[in-house]
Amino acid sequence: MSKVRLLVGTKKGAFILTSDGTRKKWDVSGPSFGGWELYHLKGSPADPNRLYASQTSSWFGQIIQRSDDGGKTWNAPGTKPEDLMGSDGMPKGESNMFLYDTSAETGRPLTTHQWYDGTQKPWEFKRVWHLEPSLTDPDTVYAGIEDAALFRSTDGGRTWHELAGLREVKGILWQPGAGGMCLHTIMFDRTDPGRMYVAISAAGAFRTDDGGKTWRAINKGLKSQYELPDPDADVGHCVHRIAMHPSRSNVLFMQKHWDVMRSDDAGGSWHEISGNLPTDFGFPIDVHAHEPNTIYVVPIKSDSEHYPPDGKLRVYRSKTGGNEWEALTKGLPQRDCYVNILRDAMAVDQLDPCGIYFGTTGGQVYGSATGGDSWEPIVRDLPAVLSVEVQTL
């Protein structure tokens, strides 16, 4: 029987939840890296026991962790554990592992981006938001960064190099929003090894067709009337998350700051599919493993009130590729619930029937083994959940 492994990143450590294919009983292990923010963990499709994790702290900095045994043990690639500790016994930050493409003369990034007040500001590394291992090589992994940039490692996370062509797509006009400016979505086209999609909060969506050398903005049809006076602006749209089904790589679904959107031409143009949702604001969006037209979102009341409308936690499902949505409530709290579900905190497994999982800022992880028809809490009272990924083993 297949097994399922959930990788849960929280504000205070990482947790691994495992179950057999019935998904009725779960073992919970953790926390690993207790006290640190674990923005994202993800397993390699080419080697399921190869896991990568982003361990970060506003005080100590950024460390990449790697496990080669499914999360039983971890190490920072290329280092001994003692190399990460200072002489005083405190952890040393390793944020200098991520160096933006810079001028040889000055050592400064070649470009700048727009700051909140409209002035130009040099790029500054803050943290790794998202890790996306290659589909075919466990030693190759991509990292989405704040300030927004894309890095790649081809030696198992030991060294990282920026794909600086992305910032050439009007990066000088990118401007952080309320949550900063992070590259949070990285998706590969399984039918075209050269094609990749990324999305950046407060900058938009972008696509490469040559393996990351050159990029183009793919934001035609997005409307951001409150943030962008120009209705035809190429960049500056606040994209929260993009999803696609691996069998249909030209069809993309997007949860934007406001609006749920769809593209049928690989991002060439977008149209709104919010339909009858109670609000079109939210963060996560995902696609059913076996039904390419079935998608899931979790509406949040507004950009200032990050909790479900009416205090009712409801996942919404569309089986028609958008516009027609149904509320999934069985097993979810329907009163006095004021949690949020962040952009990386929803995942689907590959079993049949498909399992859906999401974590909340209240520390609950919910699961459905019925495609969303009913839900059960897998674990409660974890630290605030930042990300949820699932492996079908």
Protein backbone atom coordinates (compact mmCIF):
# COMPACT_ATOMS: atom_id res chain seq x y z
CA MET A 1 0.00 0.00 0.00
CA SER A 2 1.23 3.49 -0.79
CA LYS A 3 2.29 5.86 1.97
CA VAL A 4 1.84 9.58 2.34
CA ARG A 5 4.35 11.95 3.92
CA LEU A 6 3.42 15.54 4.76
CA LEU A 7 6.21 18.09 5.14
CA VAL A 8 4.99 20.92 7.35
CA GLY A 9 6.94 24.15 7.83
CA THR A 10 5.96 26.35 10.76
CA LYS A 11 7.03 29.53 12.55
CA LYS A 12 8.88 27.41 15.12
CA GLY A 13 10.19 24.32 13.37
CA ALA A 14 9.47 21.53 10.89
CA PHE A 15 7.14 18.57 11.35
CA ILE A 16 6.74 15.39 9.31
CA LEU A 17 3.37 13.60 9.32
CA THR A 18 3.11 10.10 7.85
CA SER A 19 0.27 7.71 7.13
CA ASP A 20 -0.52 4.68 5.03
CA GLY A 21 -2.76 4.91 1.98
CA THR A 22 -5.95 4.95 4.03
CA ARG A 23 -4.88 8.31 5.51
CA LYS A 24 -6.83 7.61 8.70
CA LYS A 25 -4.02 7.39 11.29
CA TRP A 26 -1.02 9.69 11.30
CA ASP A 27 2.35 9.66 13.01
CA VAL A 28 3.71 13.09 13.89
CA SER A 29 7.45 13.69 14.26
CA GLY A 30 9.16 16.95 15.13
CA PRO A 31 9.87 19.65 15.62
CA SER A 32 13.12 19.69 13.72
CA PHE A 33 15.01 22.98 13.95
CA GLY A 34 12.81 24.04 16.89
CA GLY A 35 12.53 27.79 17.28
CA TRP A 36 13.47 28.56 13.67
CA GLU A 37 11.10 29.60 10.89
CA LEU A 38 10.78 26.83 8.32
CA TYR A 39 9.36 28.64 5.33
CA HIS A 40 9.29 25.63 3.03
CA LEU A 41 10.25 21.96 2.78
CA LYS A 42 10.01 19.86 -0.35
CA GLY A 43 11.06 16.42 -1.55
CA SER A 44 12.78 15.55 -4.81
CA PRO A 45 10.51 13.83 -7.39
CA ALA A 46 13.62 11.92 -8.57
CA ASP A 47 14.57 10.69 -5.07
CA PRO A 48 11.76 10.92 -2.49
CA ASN A 49 14.17 10.58 0.44
CA ARG A 50 16.06 13.70 -0.68
CA LEU A 51 14.39 16.61 1.12
CA TYR A 52 15.31 20.28 1.12
CA ALA A 53 14.29 22.78 3.79
CA SER A 54 14.57 26.55 4.18
CA GLN A 55 15.56 27.30 7.78
CA THR A 56 15.56 31.00 8.53
CA SER A 57 15.59 33.54 11.31
CA SER A 58 15.49 37.32 11.28
CA TRP A 59 18.23 37.14 13.92
CA PHE A 60 20.52 34.32 12.73
CA GLY A 61 19.95 34.47 8.96
CA GLN A 62 19.35 31.79 6.34
CA ILE A 63 20.43 28.15 6.24
CA ILE A 64 19.53 25.50 3.67
CA GLN A 65 19.08 22.04 5.14
CA ARG A 66 19.11 18.73 3.29
CA SER A 67 18.04 15.23 4.28
CA ASP A 68 18.95 12.09 2.36
CA ASP A 69 16.89 9.71 4.50
CA GLY A 70 13.38 11.14 4.34
CA GLY A 71 13.81 13.59 7.20
CA LYS A 72 15.36 11.32 9.83
CA THR A 73 18.59 13.33 9.77
CA TRP A 74 19.52 16.69 8.28
CA ASN A 75 22.65 18.62 7.43
CA ALA A 76 23.52 21.88 5.73
CA PRO A 77 24.98 20.77 2.37
CA GLY A 78 28.76 20.92 2.27
CA THR A 79 29.20 21.66 5.95
CA LYS A 80 29.75 19.87 9.20
CA PRO A 81 27.28 20.72 11.99
CA GLU A 82 30.04 22.44 13.96
CA ASP A 83 30.76 24.72 11.01
CA LEU A 84 27.38 26.38 11.55
CA MET A 85 28.08 27.27 15.17
CA GLY A 86 30.05 30.26 16.33
CA SER A 87 32.68 30.14 19.07
CA ASP A 88 30.02 31.27 21.53
CA GLY A 89 27.85 28.27 20.72
CA MET A 90 25.24 30.31 18.85
CA PRO A 91 24.17 29.54 15.24
CA LYS A 92 25.86 31.45 12.45
CA GLY A 93 23.71 32.87 9.64
CA GLU A 94 24.57 31.65 6.17
CA SER A 95 22.71 34.22 4.10
CA ASN A 96 25.84 34.96 2.09
CA MET A 97 25.25 31.66 0.27
CA PHE A 98 22.89 33.65 -1.97
CA LEU A 99 24.77 36.38 -3.80
CA TYR A 100 22.94 38.44 -6.42
CA ASP A 101 24.60 38.90 -9.77
CA THR A 102 26.92 41.84 -9.09
CA SER A 103 29.35 44.20 -10.72
CA ALA A 104 32.96 43.00 -10.51
CA GLU A 105 34.06 46.57 -9.82
CA THR A 106 31.68 47.49 -7.01
CA GLY A 107 30.38 44.16 -5.75
CA ARG A 108 26.86 45.62 -5.87
CA PRO A 109 23.87 44.18 -7.77
CA LEU A 110 23.77 45.32 -11.37
CA THR A 111 20.29 46.78 -11.05
CA THR A 112 18.00 48.25 -8.42
CA HIS A 113 14.29 47.91 -7.70
CA GLN A 114 11.64 50.40 -6.63
CA TRP A 115 11.16 51.01 -2.92
CA TYR A 116 7.87 51.80 -1.14
CA ASP A 117 8.39 55.56 -1.59
CA GLY A 118 9.14 55.28 -5.31
CA THR A 119 12.92 55.68 -5.01
CA GLN A 120 15.37 53.07 -6.23
CA LYS A 121 16.91 50.62 -3.76
CA PRO A 122 19.66 47.97 -4.15
CA TRP A 123 18.55 44.34 -3.99
CA GLU A 124 18.95 42.86 -0.54
CA PHE A 125 18.73 39.17 0.38
CA LYS A 126 16.26 38.44 3.19
CA ARG A 127 15.21 34.79 3.05
CA VAL A 128 14.33 31.74 0.94
CA TRP A 129 10.57 31.45 0.53
CA HIS A 130 10.29 28.42 -1.71
CA LEU A 131 12.41 25.44 -2.78
CA GLU A 132 11.59 23.48 -5.94
CA PRO A 133 13.68 20.37 -6.68
CA SER A 134 14.23 19.36 -10.30
CA LEU A 135 11.88 16.74 -11.75
CA THR A 136 14.80 14.55 -12.85
CA ASP A 137 17.95 15.34 -10.84
CA PRO A 138 17.93 15.24 -7.02
CA ASP A 139 21.04 17.46 -6.89
CA THR A 140 19.39 20.28 -8.82
CA VAL A 141 17.07 22.56 -6.87
CA TYR A 142 15.70 26.07 -7.39
CA ALA A 143 15.17 28.68 -4.66
CA GLY A 144 12.70 31.58 -4.69
CA ILE A 145 14.13 34.53 -2.77
CA GLU A 146 13.09 37.76 -1.08
CA ASP A 147 14.09 40.37 -2.48
CA ALA A 148 12.64 38.64 -5.49
CA ALA A 149 15.16 36.54 -7.38
CA LEU A 150 15.60 32.97 -8.59
CA PHE A 151 18.64 30.89 -7.67
CA ARG A 152 19.70 27.40 -8.75
CA SER A 153 21.95 24.80 -7.19
CA THR A 154 23.26 21.82 -9.17
CA ASP A 155 25.31 20.30 -6.34
CA GLY A 156 22.62 19.38 -3.85
CA GLY A 157 22.29 22.82 -2.27
CA ARG A 158 25.96 23.39 -1.55
CA THR A 159 26.38 26.39 -3.88
CA TRP A 160 23.83 28.69 -5.48
CA HIS A 161 23.85 30.90 -8.56
CA GLU A 162 21.30 33.49 -9.58
CA LEU A 163 19.35 33.28 -12.83
CA ALA A 164 19.74 37.01 -13.22
CA GLY A 165 17.91 37.27 -16.54
CA LEU A 166 14.66 37.32 -14.58
CA ARG A 167 15.44 40.70 -13.02
CA GLU A 168 15.99 42.12 -16.50
CA VAL A 169 12.21 42.01 -17.09
CA LYS A 170 11.60 45.53 -15.82
CA GLY A 171 13.01 44.65 -12.41
CA ILE A 172 13.69 48.33 -11.90
CA LEU A 173 9.89 48.79 -11.62
CA TRP A 174 9.25 45.93 -9.18
CA GLN A 175 8.10 47.27 -5.83
CA PRO A 176 7.41 45.39 -2.58
CA GLY A 177 3.89 45.19 -1.22
CA ALA A 178 2.71 44.92 2.36
CA GLY A 179 4.27 41.46 2.64
CA GLY A 180 7.54 42.36 0.95
CA MET A 181 8.64 41.13 -2.49
CA CYS A 182 9.16 37.39 -2.61
CA LEU A 183 9.47 34.84 -5.39
CA HIS A 184 7.09 32.17 -4.09
CA THR A 185 6.01 29.98 -7.02
CA ILE A 186 8.28 27.85 -9.25
CA MET A 187 6.66 25.40 -11.71
CA PHE A 188 8.19 23.16 -14.39
CA ASP A 189 6.57 22.14 -17.67
CA ARG A 190 6.84 18.35 -17.82
CA THR A 191 6.48 18.38 -21.63
CA ASP A 192 9.09 21.08 -22.28
CA PRO A 193 12.32 20.96 -20.21
CA GLY A 194 13.16 24.55 -21.14
CA ARG A 195 9.91 26.05 -19.90
CA MET A 196 9.43 27.23 -16.34
CA TYR A 197 7.00 29.57 -14.60
CA VAL A 198 7.63 31.74 -11.54
CA ALA A 199 5.45 34.21 -9.66
CA ILE A 200 6.45 37.13 -7.47
CA SER A 201 4.37 38.90 -4.88
CA ALA A 202 3.82 42.51 -6.03
CA ALA A 203 5.65 41.99 -9.36
CA GLY A 204 3.64 39.39 -11.33
CA ALA A 205 4.09 36.14 -13.22
CA PHE A 206 6.97 35.30 -15.56
CA ARG A 207 7.91 32.52 -17.98
CA THR A 208 11.14 31.24 -19.51
CA ASP A 209 11.33 28.98 -22.56
CA ASP A 210 15.11 28.52 -22.56
CA GLY A 211 15.86 27.09 -19.14
CA GLY A 212 16.06 30.40 -17.31
CA LYS A 213 18.37 32.44 -19.55
CA THR A 214 15.67 34.85 -20.72
CA TRP A 215 12.23 35.64 -19.32
CA ARG A 216 9.01 37.41 -20.27
CA ALA A 217 6.23 38.86 -18.16
CA ILE A 218 2.95 36.96 -18.55
CA ASN A 219 0.46 39.32 -16.95
CA LYS A 220 -1.85 40.36 -19.80
CA GLY A 221 -5.43 40.46 -18.55
CA LEU A 222 -4.59 41.02 -14.88
CA LYS A 223 -6.28 44.06 -13.37
CA SER A 224 -4.84 45.86 -10.33
CA GLN A 225 -6.75 49.13 -10.33
CA TYR A 226 -5.93 49.96 -6.71
CA GLU A 227 -2.18 49.47 -7.08
CA LEU A 228 -1.51 50.22 -10.77
CA PRO A 229 -3.11 53.22 -12.49
CA ASP A 230 -2.01 51.84 -15.87
CA PRO A 231 -4.51 49.10 -16.80
CA ASP A 232 -1.99 47.61 -19.25
CA ALA A 233 1.00 47.49 -16.87
CA ASP A 234 3.34 44.60 -17.68
CA VAL A 235 4.62 44.22 -14.11
CA GLY A 236 3.55 45.24 -10.62
CA HIS A 237 0.61 42.81 -10.17
CA CYS A 238 0.40 41.08 -6.81
CA VAL A 239 0.20 37.39 -7.65
CA HIS A 240 -0.32 35.15 -4.62
CA ARG A 241 0.00 31.70 -6.14
CA ILE A 242 -0.11 29.81 -9.47
CA ALA A 243 -1.04 26.16 -10.02
CA MET A 244 -1.35 23.78 -12.95
CA HIS A 245 -2.06 20.11 -13.64
CA PRO A 246 1.05 18.28 -14.94
CA SER A 247 -0.88 16.80 -17.86
CA ARG A 248 -2.04 20.20 -19.14
CA SER A 249 0.84 22.62 -18.81
CA ASN A 250 -0.67 25.35 -20.96
CA VAL A 251 -3.57 25.84 -18.52
CA LEU A 252 -2.66 27.89 -15.46
CA PHE A 253 -4.75 28.91 -12.47
CA MET A 254 -3.91 31.94 -10.34
CA GLN A 255 -4.98 33.27 -6.96
CA LYS A 256 -4.23 36.95 -7.24
CA HIS A 257 -4.35 39.57 -4.47
CA TRP A 258 -7.92 40.08 -5.61
CA ASP A 259 -9.40 37.82 -8.33
CA VAL A 260 -9.04 34.16 -9.21
CA MET A 261 -7.73 33.90 -12.77
CA ARG A 262 -7.17 31.33 -15.53
CA SER A 263 -4.93 31.21 -18.58
CA ASP A 264 -5.40 28.73 -21.44
CA ASP A 265 -2.31 29.77 -23.39
CA ALA A 266 0.63 29.32 -20.97
CA GLY A 267 0.16 32.75 -19.44
CA GLY A 268 -0.24 34.62 -22.74
CA SER A 269 -3.51 36.05 -21.42
CA TRP A 270 -5.68 35.70 -18.31
CA HIS A 271 -9.41 35.88 -17.61
CA GLU A 272 -11.25 35.99 -14.32
CA ILE A 273 -12.99 32.87 -12.96
CA SER A 274 -13.98 34.13 -9.48
CA GLY A 275 -17.66 33.45 -10.26
CA ASN A 276 -19.78 32.87 -7.16
CA LEU A 277 -16.98 32.87 -4.56
CA PRO A 278 -17.93 34.82 -1.41
CA THR A 279 -14.72 36.85 -1.85
CA ASP A 280 -12.00 36.59 -4.47
CA PHE A 281 -9.17 37.39 -2.05
CA GLY A 282 -7.01 34.52 -0.81
CA PHE A 283 -3.59 32.92 -0.96
CA PRO A 284 -3.45 29.19 -1.93
CA ILE A 285 -4.77 27.56 -5.09
CA ASP A 286 -4.28 23.94 -6.17
CA VAL A 287 -5.44 21.40 -8.75
CA HIS A 288 -6.87 17.90 -8.20
CA ALA A 289 -4.34 15.15 -9.01
CA HIS A 290 -6.57 13.30 -11.50
CA GLU A 291 -9.11 15.90 -12.63
CA PRO A 292 -7.33 18.78 -14.40
CA ASN A 293 -10.43 20.95 -14.30
CA THR A 294 -11.03 20.60 -10.54
CA ILE A 295 -9.41 23.38 -8.51
CA TYR A 296 -9.41 24.48 -4.88
CA VAL A 297 -9.13 27.88 -3.17
CA VAL A 298 -9.70 29.17 0.37
CA PRO A 299 -11.35 32.63 0.28
CA ILE A 300 -10.20 35.12 2.91
CA LYS A 301 -12.29 38.15 3.81
CA SER A 302 -9.95 40.90 2.59
CA ASP A 303 -6.37 42.10 2.38
CA SER A 304 -6.66 43.71 5.81
CA GLU A 305 -8.78 40.98 7.44
CA HIS A 306 -6.86 37.79 6.86
CA TYR A 307 -9.50 35.31 8.05
CA PRO A 308 -12.46 33.45 6.53
CA PRO A 309 -15.71 35.37 5.89
CA ASP A 310 -18.26 35.01 8.71
CA GLY A 311 -15.79 33.05 10.84
CA LYS A 312 -16.46 29.91 8.74
CA LEU A 313 -13.51 27.93 7.41
CA ARG A 314 -14.54 26.83 3.92
CA VAL A 315 -12.52 25.36 1.06
CA TYR A 316 -14.13 26.11 -2.28
CA ARG A 317 -13.97 23.62 -5.15
CA SER A 318 -14.73 24.14 -8.81
CA LYS A 319 -15.13 21.07 -11.02
CA THR A 320 -15.58 23.20 -14.13
CA GLY A 321 -12.25 25.00 -14.19
CA GLY A 322 -13.65 28.05 -12.42
CA ASN A 323 -16.69 30.34 -12.21
CA GLU A 324 -18.91 27.69 -10.56
CA TRP A 325 -17.77 27.02 -6.99
CA GLU A 326 -19.10 24.88 -4.14
CA ALA A 327 -18.27 25.30 -0.46
CA LEU A 328 -16.66 22.28 1.24
CA THR A 329 -17.45 22.49 4.94
CA LYS A 330 -17.90 18.97 6.35
CA GLY A 331 -15.43 18.56 9.21
CA LEU A 332 -14.23 22.19 9.15
CA PRO A 333 -15.15 24.74 11.87
CA GLN A 334 -18.19 26.77 10.87
CA ARG A 335 -18.17 29.32 13.64
CA ASP A 336 -15.65 31.55 15.43
CA CYS A 337 -12.76 30.61 13.13
CA TYR A 338 -10.32 33.42 12.34
CA VAL A 339 -7.23 31.71 10.94
CA ASN A 340 -5.47 32.24 7.64
CA ILE A 341 -4.12 29.74 5.10
CA LEU A 342 -0.89 30.94 3.52
CA ARG A 343 0.12 30.58 -0.12
CA ASP A 344 2.36 27.50 0.29
CA ALA A 345 0.12 25.80 2.85
CA MET A 346 -2.03 23.62 0.56
CA ALA A 347 -1.06 20.42 -1.27
CA VAL A 348 -2.63 17.42 -3.05
CA ASP A 349 -1.41 13.82 -3.06
CA GLN A 350 -1.43 11.40 -6.02
CA LEU A 351 -3.63 8.67 -4.54
CA ASP A 352 -7.09 7.77 -5.78
CA PRO A 353 -9.26 9.23 -4.38
CA CYS A 354 -7.10 12.31 -4.26
CA GLY A 355 -6.06 13.65 -0.84
CA ILE A 356 -6.11 17.40 -0.12
CA TYR A 357 -4.23 19.01 2.79
CA PHE A 358 -3.85 22.49 4.21
CA GLY A 359 -2.37 24.13 7.30
CA THR A 360 -3.54 27.23 9.15
CA THR A 361 -1.95 30.08 11.05
CA GLY A 362 -3.72 28.62 14.09
CA GLY A 363 -1.52 25.52 13.91
CA GLN A 364 -4.03 23.01 12.55
CA VAL A 365 -3.34 20.72 9.60
CA TYR A 366 -6.50 19.42 7.95
CA GLY A 367 -6.72 16.55 5.49
CA SER A 368 -9.36 15.13 3.18
CA ALA A 369 -9.02 11.65 1.69
CA THR A 370 -12.15 12.21 -0.36
CA GLY A 371 -11.16 15.00 -2.71
CA GLY A 372 -12.50 17.61 -0.31
CA ASP A 373 -15.96 16.13 0.40
CA SER A 374 -15.08 15.76 4.10
CA TRP A 375 -12.21 16.89 6.30
CA GLU A 376 -10.49 15.84 9.51
CA PRO A 377 -7.83 17.58 11.58
CA ILE A 378 -4.61 15.57 11.31
CA VAL A 379 -2.90 17.56 14.04
CA ARG A 380 -3.79 20.60 16.14
CA ASP A 381 -1.86 23.21 18.09
CA LEU A 382 1.32 23.31 16.05
CA PRO A 383 3.02 26.68 15.67
CA ALA A 384 1.56 28.80 12.85
CA VAL A 385 1.83 26.77 9.63
CA LEU A 386 3.82 28.40 6.82
CA SER A 387 3.85 25.59 4.26
CA VAL A 388 2.50 22.10 3.56
CA GLU A 389 3.87 19.74 0.93
CA VAL A 390 2.94 16.09 0.37
CA GLN A 391 4.82 13.11 -1.01
CA THR A 392 3.07 9.99 -2.25
CA LEU A 393 5.51 7.15 -1.58
